[in-house]
Amino acid sequence: MGVYTICTQPGVVALTFDDGPFIYTEQLLNTLRASGQRATFFINGQNWDNINNHVSTVRRMVAEGHQVGSHTWSHADLATLDAAGITSQMTQLEAALSSILGYFPQYMRPPYFSYNDAVLRTLGSLGYHVIQCDIDTLDWQYNTPATTGMSYSIYESGLNGGGTNSLMHDVHQTTVQTLVPRVLSLLAQRGLRSVPVGECLGDAPANWYRTSR
């Protein structure tokens, strides 16, 4: 177990989406399917909506080749919690995903990228890989049609600088409808494939999930 920021495999990038599933996630899945690109969804149990209102969407993510990772149950700042609180945040989502998919993730992203040594120890004891990013599009900040170009510029600049692992949010309409299509077009121009985080790290899909601890 460890903390991972960049892809290790050549010729690929990782598009990752946090905070869903939400009402725009199905449209995002349509766009990704049309482009032939695959992504990773770091999902919550109760954030913008409850995961049980989006069971078919979560199942579709996996069926269409995307990776599902944990973003905790309720988008908690793990650095403010003790070991019991961290464990609760992780196991609540594990239970929900086990009910929906029959298994739960081995990959997670801490909300707010907030963690410390104690958090990492607890996550490690639970068997999680921790995923950072090296291109933060700040699409939560630039989430209007007038400002989303800023997020695209951040992505393009990051890609030009060798970045591979980007963060966006499928809970924002402008991200799904404007930013993502531009990013996918850029990847096509560059001849780059977006793959799940596990694949971009060279980890076999059999290792992405567990049925028990």
C-alpha atoms as a PDB file:
ATOM      1  CA  MET A   1       0.000   0.000   0.000  1.00  0.00           C
ATOM      2  CA  GLY A   2       1.190   3.535  -0.665  1.00  0.00           C
ATOM      3  CA  VAL A   3       0.420   7.022  -1.974  1.00  0.00           C
ATOM      4  CA  TYR A   4       0.429   7.387  -5.766  1.00  0.00           C
ATOM      5  CA  THR A   5       0.342  10.605  -7.781  1.00  0.00           C
ATOM      6  CA  ILE A   6       1.505   9.886 -11.348  1.00  0.00           C
ATOM      7  CA  CYS A   7       0.871   7.158 -13.894  1.00  0.00           C
ATOM      8  CA  THR A   8       3.774   4.773 -14.377  1.00  0.00           C
ATOM      9  CA  GLN A   9       2.720   3.277 -17.716  1.00  0.00           C
ATOM     10  CA  PRO A  10       3.686   5.021 -20.989  1.00  0.00           C
ATOM     11  CA  GLY A  11       1.223   6.608 -23.380  1.00  0.00           C
ATOM     12  CA  VAL A  12      -1.693   6.745 -20.984  1.00  0.00           C
ATOM     13  CA  VAL A  13      -3.333   9.239 -18.648  1.00  0.00           C
ATOM     14  CA  ALA A  14      -5.912   8.864 -15.891  1.00  0.00           C
ATOM     15  CA  LEU A  15      -9.061  10.975 -15.860  1.00  0.00           C
ATOM     16  CA  THR A  16     -10.519  10.815 -12.359  1.00  0.00           C
ATOM     17  CA  PHE A  17     -13.833  12.172 -11.130  1.00  0.00           C
ATOM     18  CA  ASP A  18     -14.684  12.792  -7.479  1.00  0.00           C
ATOM     19  CA  ASP A  19     -17.809  13.354  -5.368  1.00  0.00           C
ATOM     20  CA  GLY A  20     -20.460  11.520  -7.410  1.00  0.00           C
ATOM     21  CA  PRO A  21     -22.524   9.779  -8.381  1.00  0.00           C
ATOM     22  CA  PHE A  22     -24.872  12.627  -9.228  1.00  0.00           C
ATOM     23  CA  ILE A  23     -27.409  13.681 -11.846  1.00  0.00           C
ATOM     24  CA  TYR A  24     -24.746  14.449 -14.466  1.00  0.00           C
ATOM     25  CA  THR A  25     -22.818  11.190 -14.132  1.00  0.00           C
ATOM     26  CA  GLU A  26     -24.883   9.293 -16.698  1.00  0.00           C
ATOM     27  CA  GLN A  27     -24.205  12.002 -19.286  1.00  0.00           C
ATOM     28  CA  LEU A  28     -20.500  11.772 -18.503  1.00  0.00           C
ATOM     29  CA  LEU A  29     -20.613   8.005 -18.998  1.00  0.00           C
ATOM     30  CA  ASN A  30     -22.280   8.556 -22.375  1.00  0.00           C
ATOM     31  CA  THR A  31     -19.515  10.952 -23.403  1.00  0.00           C
ATOM     32  CA  LEU A  32     -16.763   8.602 -22.271  1.00  0.00           C
ATOM     33  CA  ARG A  33     -18.363   5.665 -24.076  1.00  0.00           C
ATOM     34  CA  ALA A  34     -18.624   7.652 -27.304  1.00  0.00           C
ATOM     35  CA  SER A  35     -14.946   8.587 -27.068  1.00  0.00           C
ATOM     36  CA  GLY A  36     -13.745   5.106 -26.151  1.00  0.00           C
ATOM     37  CA  GLN A  37     -11.958   6.487 -23.095  1.00  0.00           C
ATOM     38  CA  ARG A  38     -12.110   5.041 -19.592  1.00  0.00           C
ATOM     39  CA  ALA A  39     -11.918   6.806 -16.247  1.00  0.00           C
ATOM     40  CA  THR A  40     -11.900   6.337 -12.496  1.00  0.00           C
ATOM     41  CA  PHE A  41     -14.733   7.462 -10.236  1.00  0.00           C
ATOM     42  CA  PHE A  42     -13.898   8.151  -6.598  1.00  0.00           C
ATOM     43  CA  ILE A  43     -17.387   8.051  -5.187  1.00  0.00           C
ATOM     44  CA  ASN A  44     -19.117   8.926  -1.931  1.00  0.00           C
ATOM     45  CA  GLY A  45     -22.013   7.242  -0.206  1.00  0.00           C
ATOM     46  CA  GLN A  46     -23.689  10.445   0.944  1.00  0.00           C
ATOM     47  CA  ASN A  47     -22.443  13.722  -0.497  1.00  0.00           C
ATOM     48  CA  TRP A  48     -24.283  15.528  -3.281  1.00  0.00           C
ATOM     49  CA  ASP A  49     -26.744  12.636  -3.243  1.00  0.00           C
ATOM     50  CA  ASN A  50     -27.094   9.176  -1.740  1.00  0.00           C
ATOM     51  CA  ILE A  51     -25.412   6.353  -3.608  1.00  0.00           C
ATOM     52  CA  ASN A  52     -28.521   4.193  -3.319  1.00  0.00           C
ATOM     53  CA  ASN A  53     -30.295   6.605  -5.665  1.00  0.00           C
ATOM     54  CA  HIS A  54     -27.712   5.790  -8.349  1.00  0.00           C
ATOM     55  CA  VAL A  55     -27.280   2.032  -8.152  1.00  0.00           C
ATOM     56  CA  SER A  56     -27.620   1.493 -11.902  1.00  0.00           C
ATOM     57  CA  THR A  57     -25.077   4.251 -12.569  1.00  0.00           C
ATOM     58  CA  VAL A  58     -22.477   2.650 -10.298  1.00  0.00           C
ATOM     59  CA  ARG A  59     -23.021  -0.718 -11.946  1.00  0.00           C
ATOM     60  CA  ARG A  60     -22.737   0.897 -15.356  1.00  0.00           C
ATOM     61  CA  MET A  61     -19.374   2.429 -14.424  1.00  0.00           C
ATOM     62  CA  VAL A  62     -17.874  -1.001 -13.903  1.00  0.00           C
ATOM     63  CA  ALA A  63     -19.715  -2.636 -16.805  1.00  0.00           C
ATOM     64  CA  GLU A  64     -18.257  -0.072 -19.219  1.00  0.00           C
ATOM     65  CA  GLY A  65     -14.691  -0.571 -18.053  1.00  0.00           C
ATOM     66  CA  HIS A  66     -14.276   2.269 -15.598  1.00  0.00           C
ATOM     67  CA  GLN A  67     -12.789   1.885 -12.134  1.00  0.00           C
ATOM     68  CA  VAL A  68     -14.693   2.691  -8.948  1.00  0.00           C
ATOM     69  CA  GLY A  69     -12.701   3.930  -5.972  1.00  0.00           C
ATOM     70  CA  SER A  70     -13.626   5.156  -2.517  1.00  0.00           C
ATOM     71  CA  HIS A  71     -13.889   8.826  -1.591  1.00  0.00           C
ATOM     72  CA  THR A  72     -15.244   7.953   1.891  1.00  0.00           C
ATOM     73  CA  TRP A  73     -18.885   7.705   2.903  1.00  0.00           C
ATOM     74  CA  SER A  74     -19.668  11.398   3.453  1.00  0.00           C
ATOM     75  CA  HIS A  75     -16.647  13.332   2.110  1.00  0.00           C
ATOM     76  CA  ALA A  76     -15.143  13.629   5.564  1.00  0.00           C
ATOM     77  CA  ASP A  77     -11.820  15.315   6.298  1.00  0.00           C
ATOM     78  CA  LEU A  78      -9.988  12.211   7.464  1.00  0.00           C
ATOM     79  CA  ALA A  79      -7.194  14.195   9.124  1.00  0.00           C
ATOM     80  CA  THR A  80      -9.738  15.432  11.683  1.00  0.00           C
ATOM     81  CA  LEU A  81     -10.879  11.917  12.647  1.00  0.00           C
ATOM     82  CA  ASP A  82      -9.456   9.243  14.903  1.00  0.00           C
ATOM     83  CA  ALA A  83      -8.844   5.701  13.684  1.00  0.00           C
ATOM     84  CA  ALA A  84     -12.380   4.607  14.539  1.00  0.00           C
ATOM     85  CA  GLY A  85     -13.870   7.527  12.619  1.00  0.00           C
ATOM     86  CA  ILE A  86     -11.692   6.881   9.575  1.00  0.00           C
ATOM     87  CA  THR A  87     -12.577   3.207   9.645  1.00  0.00           C
ATOM     88  CA  SER A  88     -16.279   4.044   9.841  1.00  0.00           C
ATOM     89  CA  GLN A  89     -16.036   6.360   6.826  1.00  0.00           C
ATOM     90  CA  MET A  90     -14.410   3.606   4.797  1.00  0.00           C
ATOM     91  CA  THR A  91     -16.454   0.624   5.920  1.00  0.00           C
ATOM     92  CA  GLN A  92     -19.825   2.348   5.473  1.00  0.00           C
ATOM     93  CA  LEU A  93     -19.041   2.819   1.795  1.00  0.00           C
ATOM     94  CA  GLU A  94     -17.599  -0.681   1.567  1.00  0.00           C
ATOM     95  CA  ALA A  95     -20.912  -2.072   2.785  1.00  0.00           C
ATOM     96  CA  ALA A  96     -22.910  -0.016   0.292  1.00  0.00           C
ATOM     97  CA  LEU A  97     -20.693  -0.997  -2.629  1.00  0.00           C
ATOM     98  CA  SER A  98     -20.685  -4.636  -1.575  1.00  0.00           C
ATOM     99  CA  SER A  99     -24.471  -4.522  -1.751  1.00  0.00           C
ATOM    100  CA  ILE A 100     -24.450  -2.825  -5.162  1.00  0.00           C
ATOM    101  CA  LEU A 101     -21.510  -4.546  -6.861  1.00  0.00           C
ATOM    102  CA  GLY A 102     -20.683  -7.557  -4.733  1.00  0.00           C
ATOM    103  CA  TYR A 103     -17.252  -6.138  -3.863  1.00  0.00           C
ATOM    104  CA  PHE A 104     -15.547  -2.936  -2.735  1.00  0.00           C
ATOM    105  CA  PRO A 105     -12.480  -0.942  -3.848  1.00  0.00           C
ATOM    106  CA  GLN A 106      -8.865  -1.218  -2.855  1.00  0.00           C
ATOM    107  CA  TYR A 107      -8.191   2.306  -4.145  1.00  0.00           C
ATOM    108  CA  MET A 108      -9.251   5.536  -2.457  1.00  0.00           C
ATOM    109  CA  ARG A 109      -8.753   9.290  -2.584  1.00  0.00           C
ATOM    110  CA  PRO A 110      -8.940  11.310   0.654  1.00  0.00           C
ATOM    111  CA  PRO A 111     -11.401  14.213   0.470  1.00  0.00           C
ATOM    112  CA  TYR A 112      -9.617  17.561   0.209  1.00  0.00           C
ATOM    113  CA  PHE A 113      -6.391  15.520  -0.251  1.00  0.00           C
ATOM    114  CA  SER A 114      -6.308  15.762   3.541  1.00  0.00           C
ATOM    115  CA  TYR A 115      -4.336  13.103   5.375  1.00  0.00           C
ATOM    116  CA  ASN A 116      -1.467  12.637   7.807  1.00  0.00           C
ATOM    117  CA  ASP A 117       0.646   9.740   9.016  1.00  0.00           C
ATOM    118  CA  ALA A 118      -2.110   8.497  11.310  1.00  0.00           C
ATOM    119  CA  VAL A 119      -4.620   8.509   8.445  1.00  0.00           C
ATOM    120  CA  LEU A 120      -2.206   6.609   6.214  1.00  0.00           C
ATOM    121  CA  ARG A 121      -1.612   4.019   8.915  1.00  0.00           C
ATOM    122  CA  THR A 122      -5.329   3.399   9.290  1.00  0.00           C
ATOM    123  CA  LEU A 123      -5.947   3.303   5.546  1.00  0.00           C
ATOM    124  CA  GLY A 124      -3.001   0.955   5.159  1.00  0.00           C
ATOM    125  CA  SER A 125      -4.379  -1.358   7.812  1.00  0.00           C
ATOM    126  CA  LEU A 126      -7.624  -1.434   5.824  1.00  0.00           C
ATOM    127  CA  GLY A 127      -5.721  -2.349   2.660  1.00  0.00           C
ATOM    128  CA  TYR A 128      -6.114   0.850   0.647  1.00  0.00           C
ATOM    129  CA  HIS A 129      -3.934   2.463  -2.007  1.00  0.00           C
ATOM    130  CA  VAL A 130      -4.151   6.276  -1.701  1.00  0.00           C
ATOM    131  CA  ILE A 131      -4.429   8.192  -4.973  1.00  0.00           C
ATOM    132  CA  GLN A 132      -3.433  11.821  -5.353  1.00  0.00           C
ATOM    133  CA  CYS A 133      -3.306  13.726  -8.662  1.00  0.00           C
ATOM    134  CA  ASP A 134      -0.753  15.794 -10.539  1.00  0.00           C
ATOM    135  CA  ILE A 135      -3.271  17.894 -12.504  1.00  0.00           C
ATOM    136  CA  ASP A 136      -5.962  19.518 -10.351  1.00  0.00           C
ATOM    137  CA  THR A 137      -8.270  21.296 -12.806  1.00  0.00           C
ATOM    138  CA  LEU A 138      -9.964  23.273 -10.004  1.00  0.00           C
ATOM    139  CA  ASP A 139     -13.229  22.675 -11.851  1.00  0.00           C
ATOM    140  CA  TRP A 140     -15.121  23.031  -8.561  1.00  0.00           C
ATOM    141  CA  GLN A 141     -13.980  26.670  -8.599  1.00  0.00           C
ATOM    142  CA  TYR A 142     -14.267  27.329 -12.345  1.00  0.00           C
ATOM    143  CA  ASN A 143     -17.662  25.683 -12.736  1.00  0.00           C
ATOM    144  CA  THR A 144     -19.542  28.143 -14.931  1.00  0.00           C
ATOM    145  CA  PRO A 145     -19.572  28.443 -18.734  1.00  0.00           C
ATOM    146  CA  ALA A 146     -17.715  31.750 -18.403  1.00  0.00           C
ATOM    147  CA  THR A 147     -14.899  30.318 -16.276  1.00  0.00           C
ATOM    148  CA  THR A 148     -14.514  26.663 -17.277  1.00  0.00           C
ATOM    149  CA  GLY A 149     -11.879  27.681 -19.816  1.00  0.00           C
ATOM    150  CA  MET A 150      -9.580  28.254 -16.855  1.00  0.00           C
ATOM    151  CA  SER A 151      -9.877  24.588 -15.902  1.00  0.00           C
ATOM    152  CA  TYR A 152      -9.142  23.550 -19.464  1.00  0.00           C
ATOM    153  CA  SER A 153      -6.057  25.761 -19.517  1.00  0.00           C
ATOM    154  CA  ILE A 154      -4.890  24.170 -16.256  1.00  0.00           C
ATOM    155  CA  TYR A 155      -5.381  20.720 -17.755  1.00  0.00           C
ATOM    156  CA  GLU A 156      -3.588  21.556 -21.000  1.00  0.00           C
ATOM    157  CA  SER A 157      -0.694  23.164 -19.144  1.00  0.00           C
ATOM    158  CA  GLY A 158      -0.458  20.176 -16.815  1.00  0.00           C
ATOM    159  CA  LEU A 159      -0.469  17.751 -19.722  1.00  0.00           C
ATOM    160  CA  ASN A 160       2.223  19.782 -21.480  1.00  0.00           C
ATOM    161  CA  GLY A 161       4.281  19.582 -18.294  1.00  0.00           C
ATOM    162  CA  GLY A 162       4.130  15.804 -18.177  1.00  0.00           C
ATOM    163  CA  GLY A 163       1.111  15.452 -15.907  1.00  0.00           C
ATOM    164  CA  THR A 164      -0.900  12.269 -16.230  1.00  0.00           C
ATOM    165  CA  ASN A 165      -3.402  11.951 -13.377  1.00  0.00           C
ATOM    166  CA  SER A 166      -6.099  14.620 -13.385  1.00  0.00           C
ATOM    167  CA  LEU A 167      -8.903  15.525 -11.002  1.00  0.00           C
ATOM    168  CA  MET A 168     -12.360  16.664 -12.095  1.00  0.00           C
ATOM    169  CA  HIS A 169     -15.828  16.385 -10.544  1.00  0.00           C
ATOM    170  CA  ASP A 170     -18.849  14.775 -12.191  1.00  0.00           C
ATOM    171  CA  VAL A 171     -21.180  16.735  -9.895  1.00  0.00           C
ATOM    172  CA  HIS A 172     -20.708  19.940 -11.910  1.00  0.00           C
ATOM    173  CA  GLN A 173     -22.791  20.400 -15.048  1.00  0.00           C
ATOM    174  CA  THR A 174     -20.209  22.588 -16.789  1.00  0.00           C
ATOM    175  CA  THR A 175     -17.478  20.025 -16.169  1.00  0.00           C
ATOM    176  CA  VAL A 176     -19.512  17.259 -17.759  1.00  0.00           C
ATOM    177  CA  GLN A 177     -20.943  19.237 -20.654  1.00  0.00           C
ATOM    178  CA  THR A 178     -18.053  21.551 -21.563  1.00  0.00           C
ATOM    179  CA  LEU A 179     -14.748  20.724 -19.870  1.00  0.00           C
ATOM    180  CA  VAL A 180     -14.685  16.962 -20.407  1.00  0.00           C
ATOM    181  CA  PRO A 181     -15.421  17.101 -24.160  1.00  0.00           C
ATOM    182  CA  ARG A 182     -12.560  19.585 -24.598  1.00  0.00           C
ATOM    183  CA  VAL A 183     -10.208  17.407 -22.564  1.00  0.00           C
ATOM    184  CA  LEU A 184     -11.171  14.324 -24.577  1.00  0.00           C
ATOM    185  CA  SER A 185     -10.567  16.209 -27.811  1.00  0.00           C
ATOM    186  CA  LEU A 186      -7.119  17.223 -26.584  1.00  0.00           C
ATOM    187  CA  LEU A 187      -6.264  13.630 -25.678  1.00  0.00           C
ATOM    188  CA  ALA A 188      -7.358  12.487 -29.132  1.00  0.00           C
ATOM    189  CA  GLN A 189      -5.130  15.130 -30.735  1.00  0.00           C
ATOM    190  CA  ARG A 190      -2.187  13.915 -28.643  1.00  0.00           C
ATOM    191  CA  GLY A 191      -2.873  10.242 -29.286  1.00  0.00           C
ATOM    192  CA  LEU A 192      -3.279   9.546 -25.578  1.00  0.00           C
ATOM    193  CA  ARG A 193      -5.541   6.974 -23.950  1.00  0.00           C
ATOM    194  CA  SER A 194      -7.305   7.527 -20.662  1.00  0.00           C
ATOM    195  CA  VAL A 195      -7.349   4.370 -18.564  1.00  0.00           C
ATOM    196  CA  PRO A 196      -8.395   3.554 -15.002  1.00  0.00           C
ATOM    197  CA  VAL A 197      -5.934   4.536 -12.288  1.00  0.00           C
ATOM    198  CA  GLY A 198      -5.120   0.923 -11.532  1.00  0.00           C
ATOM    199  CA  GLU A 199      -4.175   0.313 -15.148  1.00  0.00           C
ATOM    200  CA  CYS A 200      -2.097   3.491 -15.374  1.00  0.00           C
ATOM    201  CA  LEU A 201      -0.132   2.184 -12.382  1.00  0.00           C
ATOM    202  CA  GLY A 202       0.365  -1.230 -13.968  1.00  0.00           C
ATOM    203  CA  ASP A 203      -1.891  -2.987 -11.469  1.00  0.00           C
ATOM    204  CA  ALA A 204      -3.975  -5.898 -12.772  1.00  0.00           C
ATOM    205  CA  PRO A 205      -7.766  -5.385 -12.578  1.00  0.00           C
ATOM    206  CA  ALA A 206      -8.026  -8.401 -10.280  1.00  0.00           C
ATOM    207  CA  ASN A 207      -6.322  -6.277  -7.626  1.00  0.00           C
ATOM    208  CA  TRP A 208      -8.655  -3.280  -7.808  1.00  0.00           C
ATOM    209  CA  TYR A 209     -11.400  -4.718  -5.609  1.00  0.00           C
ATOM    210  CA  ARG A 210     -11.988  -7.099  -2.713  1.00  0.00           C
ATOM    211  CA  THR A 211     -14.903  -9.100  -1.414  1.00  0.00           C
ATOM    212  CA  SER A 212     -13.571  -9.295   2.129  1.00  0.00           C
ATOM    213  CA  ARG A 213     -10.691  -8.059   4.247  1.00  0.00           C
END
